[in-house]
ModelCIF file with pLDDT and N, C-alpha, C, O atoms, coordinates in Angstrom:
data_MODEL
#
_entry.id   MODEL 
#
_entity.id                         1 
_entity.type                       polymer 
_entity.pdbx_number_of_molecules   1 
#
_entity_poly.entity_id                      1 
_entity_poly.type                           'polypeptide(L)' 
_entity_poly.nstd_linkage                   no 
_entity_poly.nstd_monomer                   no 
_entity_poly.pdbx_seq_one_letter_code       PLELITGSRDAPDKRLYVGSGKAEEIDQWVKHHEAQLVIFDHNLSPS 
_entity_poly.pdbx_seq_one_letter_code_can   PLELITGSRDAPDKRLYVGSGKAEEIDQWVKHHEAQLVIFDHNLSPS 
_entity_poly.pdbx_strand_id                 A 
#
loop_
_entity_poly_seq.entity_id 
_entity_poly_seq.num 
_entity_poly_seq.mon_id 
_entity_poly_seq.hetero 
1 1  PRO n 
1 2  LEU n 
1 3  GLU n 
1 4  LEU n 
1 5  ILE n 
1 6  THR n 
1 7  GLY n 
1 8  SER n 
1 9  ARG n 
1 10 ASP n 
1 11 ALA n 
1 12 PRO n 
1 13 ASP n 
1 14 LYS n 
1 15 ARG n 
1 16 LEU n 
1 17 TYR n 
1 18 VAL n 
1 19 GLY n 
1 20 SER n 
1 21 GLY n 
1 22 LYS n 
1 23 ALA n 
1 24 GLU n 
1 25 GLU n 
1 26 ILE n 
1 27 ASP n 
1 28 GLN n 
1 29 TRP n 
1 30 VAL n 
1 31 LYS n 
1 32 HIS n 
1 33 HIS n 
1 34 GLU n 
1 35 ALA n 
1 36 GLN n 
1 37 LEU n 
1 38 VAL n 
1 39 ILE n 
1 40 PHE n 
1 41 ASP n 
1 42 HIS n 
1 43 ASN n 
1 44 LEU n 
1 45 SER n 
1 46 PRO n 
1 47 SER n 
#
_struct_asym.id          A 
_struct_asym.entity_id   1 
#
loop_
_ma_qa_metric.id 
_ma_qa_metric.mode 
_ma_qa_metric.name 
_ma_qa_metric.software_group_id 
_ma_qa_metric.type 
1 global pLDDT . pLDDT 
2 local  pLDDT . pLDDT 
#
_ma_qa_metric_global.metric_id      1 
_ma_qa_metric_global.metric_value   92.45 
_ma_qa_metric_global.model_id       1 
_ma_qa_metric_global.ordinal_id     1 
#
loop_
_ma_qa_metric_local.label_asym_id 
_ma_qa_metric_local.label_comp_id 
_ma_qa_metric_local.label_seq_id 
_ma_qa_metric_local.metric_id 
_ma_qa_metric_local.metric_value 
_ma_qa_metric_local.model_id 
_ma_qa_metric_local.ordinal_id 
A PRO 1  2 92.00 1 1  
A LEU 2  2 93.00 1 2  
A GLU 3  2 93.00 1 3  
A LEU 4  2 95.00 1 4  
A ILE 5  2 94.00 1 5  
A THR 6  2 93.00 1 6  
A GLY 7  2 91.00 1 7  
A SER 8  2 90.00 1 8  
A ARG 9  2 89.00 1 9  
A ASP 10 2 87.00 1 10 
A ALA 11 2 89.00 1 11 
A PRO 12 2 91.00 1 12 
A ASP 13 2 92.00 1 13 
A LYS 14 2 93.00 1 14 
A ARG 15 2 94.00 1 15 
A LEU 16 2 94.00 1 16 
A TYR 17 2 94.00 1 17 
A VAL 18 2 93.00 1 18 
A GLY 19 2 93.00 1 19 
A SER 20 2 92.00 1 20 
A GLY 21 2 94.00 1 21 
A LYS 22 2 94.00 1 22 
A ALA 23 2 95.00 1 23 
A GLU 24 2 96.00 1 24 
A GLU 25 2 95.00 1 25 
A ILE 26 2 95.00 1 26 
A ASP 27 2 95.00 1 27 
A GLN 28 2 96.00 1 28 
A TRP 29 2 95.00 1 29 
A VAL 30 2 94.00 1 30 
A LYS 31 2 94.00 1 31 
A HIS 32 2 94.00 1 32 
A HIS 33 2 93.00 1 33 
A GLU 34 2 92.00 1 34 
A ALA 35 2 92.00 1 35 
A GLN 36 2 91.00 1 36 
A LEU 37 2 92.00 1 37 
A VAL 38 2 94.00 1 38 
A ILE 39 2 93.00 1 39 
A PHE 40 2 94.00 1 40 
A ASP 41 2 92.00 1 41 
A HIS 42 2 89.00 1 42 
A ASN 43 2 88.00 1 43 
A LEU 44 2 90.00 1 44 
A SER 45 2 89.00 1 45 
A PRO 46 2 87.00 1 46 
A SER 47 2 90.00 1 47 
#
loop_
_atom_site.group_PDB 
_atom_site.id 
_atom_site.type_symbol 
_atom_site.label_atom_id 
_atom_site.label_alt_id 
_atom_site.label_comp_id 
_atom_site.label_asym_id 
_atom_site.label_entity_id 
_atom_site.label_seq_id 
_atom_site.pdbx_PDB_ins_code 
_atom_site.Cartn_x 
_atom_site.Cartn_y 
_atom_site.Cartn_z 
_atom_site.occupancy 
_atom_site.B_iso_or_equiv 
_atom_site.pdbx_formal_charge 
_atom_site.auth_seq_id 
_atom_site.auth_comp_id 
_atom_site.auth_asym_id 
_atom_site.auth_atom_id 
_atom_site.pdbx_PDB_model_num 
ATOM 1   N N  . PRO A 1 1  ? 42.200 191.759 7.199  1.00 92.00 ? 1  PRO A N  1 
ATOM 2   C CA . PRO A 1 1  ? 40.935 191.263 7.756  1.00 92.00 ? 1  PRO A CA 1 
ATOM 3   C C  . PRO A 1 1  ? 39.838 192.323 7.718  1.00 92.00 ? 1  PRO A C  1 
ATOM 4   O O  . PRO A 1 1  ? 39.991 193.401 8.293  1.00 92.00 ? 1  PRO A O  1 
ATOM 5   N N  . LEU A 1 2  ? 38.737 192.018 7.044  1.00 93.00 ? 2  LEU A N  1 
ATOM 6   C CA . LEU A 1 2  ? 37.622 192.941 6.927  1.00 93.00 ? 2  LEU A CA 1 
ATOM 7   C C  . LEU A 1 2  ? 36.518 192.644 7.925  1.00 93.00 ? 2  LEU A C  1 
ATOM 8   O O  . LEU A 1 2  ? 35.797 193.549 8.346  1.00 93.00 ? 2  LEU A O  1 
ATOM 9   N N  . GLU A 1 3  ? 36.382 191.385 8.305  1.00 93.00 ? 3  GLU A N  1 
ATOM 10  C CA . GLU A 1 3  ? 35.303 190.973 9.193  1.00 93.00 ? 3  GLU A CA 1 
ATOM 11  C C  . GLU A 1 3  ? 35.695 189.665 9.874  1.00 93.00 ? 3  GLU A C  1 
ATOM 12  O O  . GLU A 1 3  ? 36.280 188.781 9.248  1.00 93.00 ? 3  GLU A O  1 
ATOM 13  N N  . LEU A 1 4  ? 35.369 189.550 11.153 1.00 95.00 ? 4  LEU A N  1 
ATOM 14  C CA . LEU A 1 4  ? 35.583 188.309 11.894 1.00 95.00 ? 4  LEU A CA 1 
ATOM 15  C C  . LEU A 1 4  ? 34.223 187.727 12.235 1.00 95.00 ? 4  LEU A C  1 
ATOM 16  O O  . LEU A 1 4  ? 33.456 188.324 12.990 1.00 95.00 ? 4  LEU A O  1 
ATOM 17  N N  . ILE A 1 5  ? 33.926 186.567 11.681 1.00 94.00 ? 5  ILE A N  1 
ATOM 18  C CA . ILE A 1 5  ? 32.646 185.894 11.899 1.00 94.00 ? 5  ILE A CA 1 
ATOM 19  C C  . ILE A 1 5  ? 32.862 184.727 12.853 1.00 94.00 ? 5  ILE A C  1 
ATOM 20  O O  . ILE A 1 5  ? 33.707 183.865 12.607 1.00 94.00 ? 5  ILE A O  1 
ATOM 21  N N  . THR A 1 6  ? 32.113 184.701 13.922 1.00 93.00 ? 6  THR A N  1 
ATOM 22  C CA . THR A 1 6  ? 32.237 183.641 14.917 1.00 93.00 ? 6  THR A CA 1 
ATOM 23  C C  . THR A 1 6  ? 30.932 182.867 15.012 1.00 93.00 ? 6  THR A C  1 
ATOM 24  O O  . THR A 1 6  ? 29.883 183.304 14.539 1.00 93.00 ? 6  THR A O  1 
ATOM 25  N N  . GLY A 1 7  ? 31.031 181.730 15.624 1.00 91.00 ? 7  GLY A N  1 
ATOM 26  C CA . GLY A 1 7  ? 29.860 180.894 15.822 1.00 91.00 ? 7  GLY A CA 1 
ATOM 27  C C  . GLY A 1 7  ? 30.216 179.718 16.703 1.00 91.00 ? 7  GLY A C  1 
ATOM 28  O O  . GLY A 1 7  ? 31.350 179.596 17.165 1.00 91.00 ? 7  GLY A O  1 
ATOM 29  N N  . SER A 1 8  ? 29.248 178.854 16.935 1.00 90.00 ? 8  SER A N  1 
ATOM 30  C CA . SER A 1 8  ? 29.445 177.675 17.770 1.00 90.00 ? 8  SER A CA 1 
ATOM 31  C C  . SER A 1 8  ? 28.765 176.488 17.104 1.00 90.00 ? 8  SER A C  1 
ATOM 32  O O  . SER A 1 8  ? 27.668 176.602 16.558 1.00 90.00 ? 8  SER A O  1 
ATOM 33  N N  . ARG A 1 9  ? 29.440 175.350 17.162 1.00 89.00 ? 9  ARG A N  1 
ATOM 34  C CA . ARG A 1 9  ? 28.882 174.145 16.555 1.00 89.00 ? 9  ARG A CA 1 
ATOM 35  C C  . ARG A 1 9  ? 29.478 172.931 17.263 1.00 89.00 ? 9  ARG A C  1 
ATOM 36  O O  . ARG A 1 9  ? 30.674 172.890 17.549 1.00 89.00 ? 9  ARG A O  1 
ATOM 37  N N  . ASP A 1 10 ? 28.620 171.937 17.543 1.00 87.00 ? 10 ASP A N  1 
ATOM 38  C CA . ASP A 1 10 ? 29.082 170.744 18.246 1.00 87.00 ? 10 ASP A CA 1 
ATOM 39  C C  . ASP A 1 10 ? 29.983 169.871 17.380 1.00 87.00 ? 10 ASP A C  1 
ATOM 40  O O  . ASP A 1 10 ? 30.969 169.311 17.859 1.00 87.00 ? 10 ASP A O  1 
ATOM 41  N N  . ALA A 1 11 ? 29.634 169.762 16.107 1.00 89.00 ? 11 ALA A N  1 
ATOM 42  C CA . ALA A 1 11 ? 30.411 168.929 15.186 1.00 89.00 ? 11 ALA A CA 1 
ATOM 43  C C  . ALA A 1 11 ? 30.422 169.584 13.810 1.00 89.00 ? 11 ALA A C  1 
ATOM 44  O O  . ALA A 1 11 ? 29.417 170.170 13.407 1.00 89.00 ? 11 ALA A O  1 
ATOM 45  N N  . PRO A 1 12 ? 31.537 169.499 13.075 1.00 91.00 ? 12 PRO A N  1 
ATOM 46  C CA . PRO A 1 12 ? 31.609 170.117 11.747 1.00 91.00 ? 12 PRO A CA 1 
ATOM 47  C C  . PRO A 1 12 ? 30.653 169.453 10.756 1.00 91.00 ? 12 PRO A C  1 
ATOM 48  O O  . PRO A 1 12 ? 30.421 168.245 10.807 1.00 91.00 ? 12 PRO A O  1 
ATOM 49  N N  . ASP A 1 13 ? 30.107 170.267 9.859  1.00 92.00 ? 13 ASP A N  1 
ATOM 50  C CA . ASP A 1 13 ? 29.292 169.746 8.764  1.00 92.00 ? 13 ASP A CA 1 
ATOM 51  C C  . ASP A 1 13 ? 30.212 169.083 7.740  1.00 92.00 ? 13 ASP A C  1 
ATOM 52  O O  . ASP A 1 13 ? 31.256 169.641 7.399  1.00 92.00 ? 13 ASP A O  1 
ATOM 53  N N  . LYS A 1 14 ? 29.842 167.912 7.249  1.00 93.00 ? 14 LYS A N  1 
ATOM 54  C CA . LYS A 1 14 ? 30.705 167.183 6.328  1.00 93.00 ? 14 LYS A CA 1 
ATOM 55  C C  . LYS A 1 14 ? 30.889 167.904 5.001  1.00 93.00 ? 14 LYS A C  1 
ATOM 56  O O  . LYS A 1 14 ? 31.923 167.750 4.350  1.00 93.00 ? 14 LYS A O  1 
ATOM 57  N N  . ARG A 1 15 ? 29.892 168.693 4.592  1.00 94.00 ? 15 ARG A N  1 
ATOM 58  C CA . ARG A 1 15 ? 29.949 169.327 3.277  1.00 94.00 ? 15 ARG A CA 1 
ATOM 59  C C  . ARG A 1 15 ? 30.574 170.716 3.325  1.00 94.00 ? 15 ARG A C  1 
ATOM 60  O O  . ARG A 1 15 ? 31.360 171.061 2.443  1.00 94.00 ? 15 ARG A O  1 
ATOM 61  N N  . LEU A 1 16 ? 30.245 171.523 4.336  1.00 94.00 ? 16 LEU A N  1 
ATOM 62  C CA . LEU A 1 16 ? 30.676 172.918 4.377  1.00 94.00 ? 16 LEU A CA 1 
ATOM 63  C C  . LEU A 1 16 ? 31.432 173.291 5.650  1.00 94.00 ? 16 LEU A C  1 
ATOM 64  O O  . LEU A 1 16 ? 31.829 174.446 5.808  1.00 94.00 ? 16 LEU A O  1 
ATOM 65  N N  . TYR A 1 17 ? 31.634 172.357 6.542  1.00 94.00 ? 17 TYR A N  1 
ATOM 66  C CA . TYR A 1 17 ? 32.205 172.559 7.867  1.00 94.00 ? 17 TYR A CA 1 
ATOM 67  C C  . TYR A 1 17 ? 31.241 173.339 8.760  1.00 94.00 ? 17 TYR A C  1 
ATOM 68  O O  . TYR A 1 17 ? 30.963 172.919 9.883  1.00 94.00 ? 17 TYR A O  1 
ATOM 69  N N  . VAL A 1 18 ? 30.723 174.481 8.267  1.00 93.00 ? 18 VAL A N  1 
ATOM 70  C CA . VAL A 1 18 ? 29.712 175.245 8.990  1.00 93.00 ? 18 VAL A CA 1 
ATOM 71  C C  . VAL A 1 18 ? 28.330 174.842 8.489  1.00 93.00 ? 18 VAL A C  1 
ATOM 72  O O  . VAL A 1 18 ? 28.208 174.179 7.459  1.00 93.00 ? 18 VAL A O  1 
ATOM 73  N N  . GLY A 1 19 ? 27.306 175.238 9.206  1.00 93.00 ? 19 GLY A N  1 
ATOM 74  C CA . GLY A 1 19 ? 25.956 174.969 8.764  1.00 93.00 ? 19 GLY A CA 1 
ATOM 75  C C  . GLY A 1 19 ? 25.573 175.821 7.562  1.00 93.00 ? 19 GLY A C  1 
ATOM 76  O O  . GLY A 1 19 ? 26.263 176.793 7.251  1.00 93.00 ? 19 GLY A O  1 
ATOM 77  N N  . SER A 1 20 ? 24.508 175.480 6.895  1.00 92.00 ? 20 SER A N  1 
ATOM 78  C CA . SER A 1 20 ? 24.088 176.211 5.699  1.00 92.00 ? 20 SER A CA 1 
ATOM 79  C C  . SER A 1 20 ? 23.750 177.662 6.015  1.00 92.00 ? 20 SER A C  1 
ATOM 80  O O  . SER A 1 20 ? 24.051 178.554 5.221  1.00 92.00 ? 20 SER A O  1 
ATOM 81  N N  . GLY A 1 21 ? 23.119 177.913 7.185  1.00 94.00 ? 21 GLY A N  1 
ATOM 82  C CA . GLY A 1 21 ? 22.798 179.280 7.572  1.00 94.00 ? 21 GLY A CA 1 
ATOM 83  C C  . GLY A 1 21 ? 24.027 180.128 7.785  1.00 94.00 ? 21 GLY A C  1 
ATOM 84  O O  . GLY A 1 21 ? 24.086 181.268 7.323  1.00 94.00 ? 21 GLY A O  1 
ATOM 85  N N  . LYS A 1 22 ? 25.030 179.575 8.494  1.00 94.00 ? 22 LYS A N  1 
ATOM 86  C CA . LYS A 1 22 ? 26.279 180.293 8.721  1.00 94.00 ? 22 LYS A CA 1 
ATOM 87  C C  . LYS A 1 22 ? 27.028 180.507 7.407  1.00 94.00 ? 22 LYS A C  1 
ATOM 88  O O  . LYS A 1 22 ? 27.648 181.552 7.208  1.00 94.00 ? 22 LYS A O  1 
ATOM 89  N N  . ALA A 1 23 ? 26.970 179.517 6.508  1.00 95.00 ? 23 ALA A N  1 
ATOM 90  C CA . ALA A 1 23 ? 27.615 179.657 5.205  1.00 95.00 ? 23 ALA A CA 1 
ATOM 91  C C  . ALA A 1 23 ? 26.991 180.800 4.406  1.00 95.00 ? 23 ALA A C  1 
ATOM 92  O O  . ALA A 1 23 ? 27.703 181.554 3.743  1.00 95.00 ? 23 ALA A O  1 
ATOM 93  N N  . GLU A 1 24 ? 25.667 180.931 4.466  1.00 96.00 ? 24 GLU A N  1 
ATOM 94  C CA . GLU A 1 24 ? 24.993 182.032 3.773  1.00 96.00 ? 24 GLU A CA 1 
ATOM 95  C C  . GLU A 1 24 ? 25.379 183.379 4.383  1.00 96.00 ? 24 GLU A C  1 
ATOM 96  O O  . GLU A 1 24 ? 25.543 184.365 3.664  1.00 96.00 ? 24 GLU A O  1 
ATOM 97  N N  . GLU A 1 25 ? 25.524 183.420 5.711  1.00 95.00 ? 25 GLU A N  1 
ATOM 98  C CA . GLU A 1 25 ? 25.951 184.652 6.375  1.00 95.00 ? 25 GLU A CA 1 
ATOM 99  C C  . GLU A 1 25 ? 27.348 185.062 5.909  1.00 95.00 ? 25 GLU A C  1 
ATOM 100 O O  . GLU A 1 25 ? 27.593 186.231 5.611  1.00 95.00 ? 25 GLU A O  1 
ATOM 101 N N  . ILE A 1 26 ? 28.268 184.079 5.848  1.00 95.00 ? 26 ILE A N  1 
ATOM 102 C CA . ILE A 1 26 ? 29.625 184.366 5.371  1.00 95.00 ? 26 ILE A CA 1 
ATOM 103 C C  . ILE A 1 26 ? 29.584 184.874 3.933  1.00 95.00 ? 26 ILE A C  1 
ATOM 104 O O  . ILE A 1 26 ? 30.278 185.828 3.579  1.00 95.00 ? 26 ILE A O  1 
ATOM 105 N N  . ASP A 1 27 ? 28.766 184.226 3.112  1.00 95.00 ? 27 ASP A N  1 
ATOM 106 C CA . ASP A 1 27 ? 28.652 184.618 1.705  1.00 95.00 ? 27 ASP A CA 1 
ATOM 107 C C  . ASP A 1 27 ? 28.162 186.063 1.571  1.00 95.00 ? 27 ASP A C  1 
ATOM 108 O O  . ASP A 1 27 ? 28.630 186.798 0.702  1.00 95.00 ? 27 ASP A O  1 
ATOM 109 N N  . GLN A 1 28 ? 27.227 186.469 2.424  1.00 96.00 ? 28 GLN A N  1 
ATOM 110 C CA . GLN A 1 28 ? 26.720 187.846 2.387  1.00 96.00 ? 28 GLN A CA 1 
ATOM 111 C C  . GLN A 1 28 ? 27.819 188.846 2.730  1.00 96.00 ? 28 GLN A C  1 
ATOM 112 O O  . GLN A 1 28 ? 27.922 189.899 2.101  1.00 96.00 ? 28 GLN A O  1 
ATOM 113 N N  . TRP A 1 29 ? 28.642 188.520 3.728  1.00 95.00 ? 29 TRP A N  1 
ATOM 114 C CA . TRP A 1 29 ? 29.747 189.407 4.088  1.00 95.00 ? 29 TRP A CA 1 
ATOM 115 C C  . TRP A 1 29 ? 30.792 189.455 2.978  1.00 95.00 ? 29 TRP A C  1 
ATOM 116 O O  . TRP A 1 29 ? 31.369 190.510 2.716  1.00 95.00 ? 29 TRP A O  1 
ATOM 117 N N  . VAL A 1 30 ? 31.041 188.317 2.324  1.00 94.00 ? 30 VAL A N  1 
ATOM 118 C CA . VAL A 1 30 ? 31.975 188.288 1.194  1.00 94.00 ? 30 VAL A CA 1 
ATOM 119 C C  . VAL A 1 30 ? 31.507 189.230 0.090  1.00 94.00 ? 30 VAL A C  1 
ATOM 120 O O  . VAL A 1 30 ? 32.298 190.001 -0.451 1.00 94.00 ? 30 VAL A O  1 
ATOM 121 N N  . LYS A 1 31 ? 30.228 189.166 -0.240 1.00 94.00 ? 31 LYS A N  1 
ATOM 122 C CA . LYS A 1 31 ? 29.685 190.025 -1.282 1.00 94.00 ? 31 LYS A CA 1 
ATOM 123 C C  . LYS A 1 31 ? 29.682 191.492 -0.841 1.00 94.00 ? 31 LYS A C  1 
ATOM 124 O O  . LYS A 1 31 ? 29.955 192.388 -1.640 1.00 94.00 ? 31 LYS A O  1 
ATOM 125 N N  . HIS A 1 32 ? 29.373 191.723 0.429  1.00 94.00 ? 32 HIS A N  1 
ATOM 126 C CA . HIS A 1 32 ? 29.304 193.085 0.948  1.00 94.00 ? 32 HIS A CA 1 
ATOM 127 C C  . HIS A 1 32 ? 30.655 193.781 0.885  1.00 94.00 ? 32 HIS A C  1 
ATOM 128 O O  . HIS A 1 32 ? 30.740 194.938 0.475  1.00 94.00 ? 32 HIS A O  1 
ATOM 129 N N  . HIS A 1 33 ? 31.713 193.079 1.291  1.00 93.00 ? 33 HIS A N  1 
ATOM 130 C CA . HIS A 1 33 ? 33.054 193.662 1.326  1.00 93.00 ? 33 HIS A CA 1 
ATOM 131 C C  . HIS A 1 33 ? 33.841 193.436 0.038  1.00 93.00 ? 33 HIS A C  1 
ATOM 132 O O  . HIS A 1 33 ? 34.955 193.936 -0.121 1.00 93.00 ? 33 HIS A O  1 
ATOM 133 N N  . GLU A 1 34 ? 33.243 192.675 -0.878 1.00 92.00 ? 34 GLU A N  1 
ATOM 134 C CA . GLU A 1 34 ? 33.975 192.284 -2.092 1.00 92.00 ? 34 GLU A CA 1 
ATOM 135 C C  . GLU A 1 34 ? 35.293 191.609 -1.707 1.00 92.00 ? 34 GLU A C  1 
ATOM 136 O O  . GLU A 1 34 ? 36.350 191.907 -2.263 1.00 92.00 ? 34 GLU A O  1 
ATOM 137 N N  . ALA A 1 35 ? 35.200 190.699 -0.748 1.00 92.00 ? 35 ALA A N  1 
ATOM 138 C CA . ALA A 1 35 ? 36.376 189.999 -0.238 1.00 92.00 ? 35 ALA A CA 1 
ATOM 139 C C  . ALA A 1 35 ? 36.948 189.053 -1.284 1.00 92.00 ? 35 ALA A C  1 
ATOM 140 O O  . ALA A 1 35 ? 36.217 188.513 -2.115 1.00 92.00 ? 35 ALA A O  1 
ATOM 141 N N  . GLN A 1 36 ? 38.247 188.859 -1.234 1.00 91.00 ? 36 GLN A N  1 
ATOM 142 C CA . GLN A 1 36 ? 38.944 187.970 -2.158 1.00 91.00 ? 36 GLN A CA 1 
ATOM 143 C C  . GLN A 1 36 ? 39.321 186.646 -1.514 1.00 91.00 ? 36 GLN A C  1 
ATOM 144 O O  . GLN A 1 36 ? 39.763 185.716 -2.190 1.00 91.00 ? 36 GLN A O  1 
ATOM 145 N N  . LEU A 1 37 ? 39.142 186.570 -0.200 1.00 92.00 ? 37 LEU A N  1 
ATOM 146 C CA . LEU A 1 37 ? 39.665 185.422 0.541  1.00 92.00 ? 37 LEU A CA 1 
ATOM 147 C C  . LEU A 1 37 ? 38.828 185.202 1.792  1.00 92.00 ? 37 LEU A C  1 
ATOM 148 O O  . LEU A 1 37 ? 38.449 186.157 2.470  1.00 92.00 ? 37 LEU A O  1 
ATOM 149 N N  . VAL A 1 38 ? 38.541 183.940 2.097  1.00 94.00 ? 38 VAL A N  1 
ATOM 150 C CA . VAL A 1 38 ? 37.913 183.552 3.356  1.00 94.00 ? 38 VAL A CA 1 
ATOM 151 C C  . VAL A 1 38 ? 38.871 182.603 4.075  1.00 94.00 ? 38 VAL A C  1 
ATOM 152 O O  . VAL A 1 38 ? 39.262 181.570 3.531  1.00 94.00 ? 38 VAL A O  1 
ATOM 153 N N  . ILE A 1 39 ? 39.243 182.967 5.306  1.00 93.00 ? 39 ILE A N  1 
ATOM 154 C CA . ILE A 1 39 ? 40.195 182.164 6.076  1.00 93.00 ? 39 ILE A CA 1 
ATOM 155 C C  . ILE A 1 39 ? 39.467 181.517 7.249  1.00 93.00 ? 39 ILE A C  1 
ATOM 156 O O  . ILE A 1 39 ? 38.829 182.203 8.049  1.00 93.00 ? 39 ILE A O  1 
ATOM 157 N N  . PHE A 1 40 ? 39.566 180.199 7.345  1.00 94.00 ? 40 PHE A N  1 
ATOM 158 C CA . PHE A 1 40 ? 38.985 179.449 8.452  1.00 94.00 ? 40 PHE A CA 1 
ATOM 159 C C  . PHE A 1 40 ? 40.071 179.128 9.477  1.00 94.00 ? 40 PHE A C  1 
ATOM 160 O O  . PHE A 1 40 ? 41.172 178.708 9.121  1.00 94.00 ? 40 PHE A O  1 
ATOM 161 N N  . ASP A 1 41 ? 39.748 179.329 10.741 1.00 92.00 ? 41 ASP A N  1 
ATOM 162 C CA . ASP A 1 41 ? 40.681 178.995 11.818 1.00 92.00 ? 41 ASP A CA 1 
ATOM 163 C C  . ASP A 1 41 ? 40.560 177.525 12.180 1.00 92.00 ? 41 ASP A C  1 
ATOM 164 O O  . ASP A 1 41 ? 40.584 177.166 13.357 1.00 92.00 ? 41 ASP A O  1 
ATOM 165 N N  . HIS A 1 42 ? 40.431 176.686 11.179 1.00 89.00 ? 42 HIS A N  1 
ATOM 166 C CA . HIS A 1 42 ? 40.247 175.253 11.358 1.00 89.00 ? 42 HIS A CA 1 
ATOM 167 C C  . HIS A 1 42 ? 40.856 174.542 10.152 1.00 89.00 ? 42 HIS A C  1 
ATOM 168 O O  . HIS A 1 42 ? 41.095 175.152 9.110  1.00 89.00 ? 42 HIS A O  1 
ATOM 169 N N  . ASN A 1 43 ? 41.100 173.252 10.310 1.00 88.00 ? 43 ASN A N  1 
ATOM 170 C CA . ASN A 1 43 ? 41.572 172.452 9.195  1.00 88.00 ? 43 ASN A CA 1 
ATOM 171 C C  . ASN A 1 43 ? 40.377 171.888 8.438  1.00 88.00 ? 43 ASN A C  1 
ATOM 172 O O  . ASN A 1 43 ? 39.548 171.182 9.013  1.00 88.00 ? 43 ASN A O  1 
ATOM 173 N N  . LEU A 1 44 ? 40.291 172.200 7.151  1.00 90.00 ? 44 LEU A N  1 
ATOM 174 C CA . LEU A 1 44 ? 39.191 171.778 6.298  1.00 90.00 ? 44 LEU A CA 1 
ATOM 175 C C  . LEU A 1 44 ? 39.610 170.611 5.430  1.00 90.00 ? 44 LEU A C  1 
ATOM 176 O O  . LEU A 1 44 ? 40.781 170.481 5.074  1.00 90.00 ? 44 LEU A O  1 
ATOM 177 N N  . SER A 1 45 ? 38.655 169.763 5.089  1.00 89.00 ? 45 SER A N  1 
ATOM 178 C CA . SER A 1 45 ? 38.917 168.691 4.132  1.00 89.00 ? 45 SER A CA 1 
ATOM 179 C C  . SER A 1 45 ? 38.940 169.284 2.727  1.00 89.00 ? 45 SER A C  1 
ATOM 180 O O  . SER A 1 45 ? 38.387 170.361 2.503  1.00 89.00 ? 45 SER A O  1 
ATOM 181 N N  . PRO A 1 46 ? 39.576 168.593 1.773  1.00 87.00 ? 46 PRO A N  1 
ATOM 182 C CA . PRO A 1 46 ? 39.593 169.107 0.394  1.00 87.00 ? 46 PRO A CA 1 
ATOM 183 C C  . PRO A 1 46 ? 38.195 169.367 -0.164 1.00 87.00 ? 46 PRO A C  1 
ATOM 184 O O  . PRO A 1 46 ? 37.981 170.375 -0.838 1.00 87.00 ? 46 PRO A O  1 
ATOM 185 N N  . SER A 1 47 ? 37.245 168.481 0.106  1.00 90.00 ? 47 SER A N  1 
ATOM 186 C CA . SER A 1 47 ? 35.891 168.672 -0.418 1.00 90.00 ? 47 SER A CA 1 
ATOM 187 C C  . SER A 1 47 ? 35.209 169.870 0.223  1.00 90.00 ? 47 SER A C  1 
ATOM 188 O O  . SER A 1 47 ? 34.062 170.175 -0.103 1.00 90.00 ? 47 SER A O  1 
#
């Protein structure tokens, strides 16, 4: 684990689970750490 990103949301986004802003934040950390994997503490749909 390189970084733990937290947030709050009333309901999951149908497309990304998180909001677009939070998704961009995660993407920045992925690029910063050159991460190979993003793990969600939630069950995601295939899409």
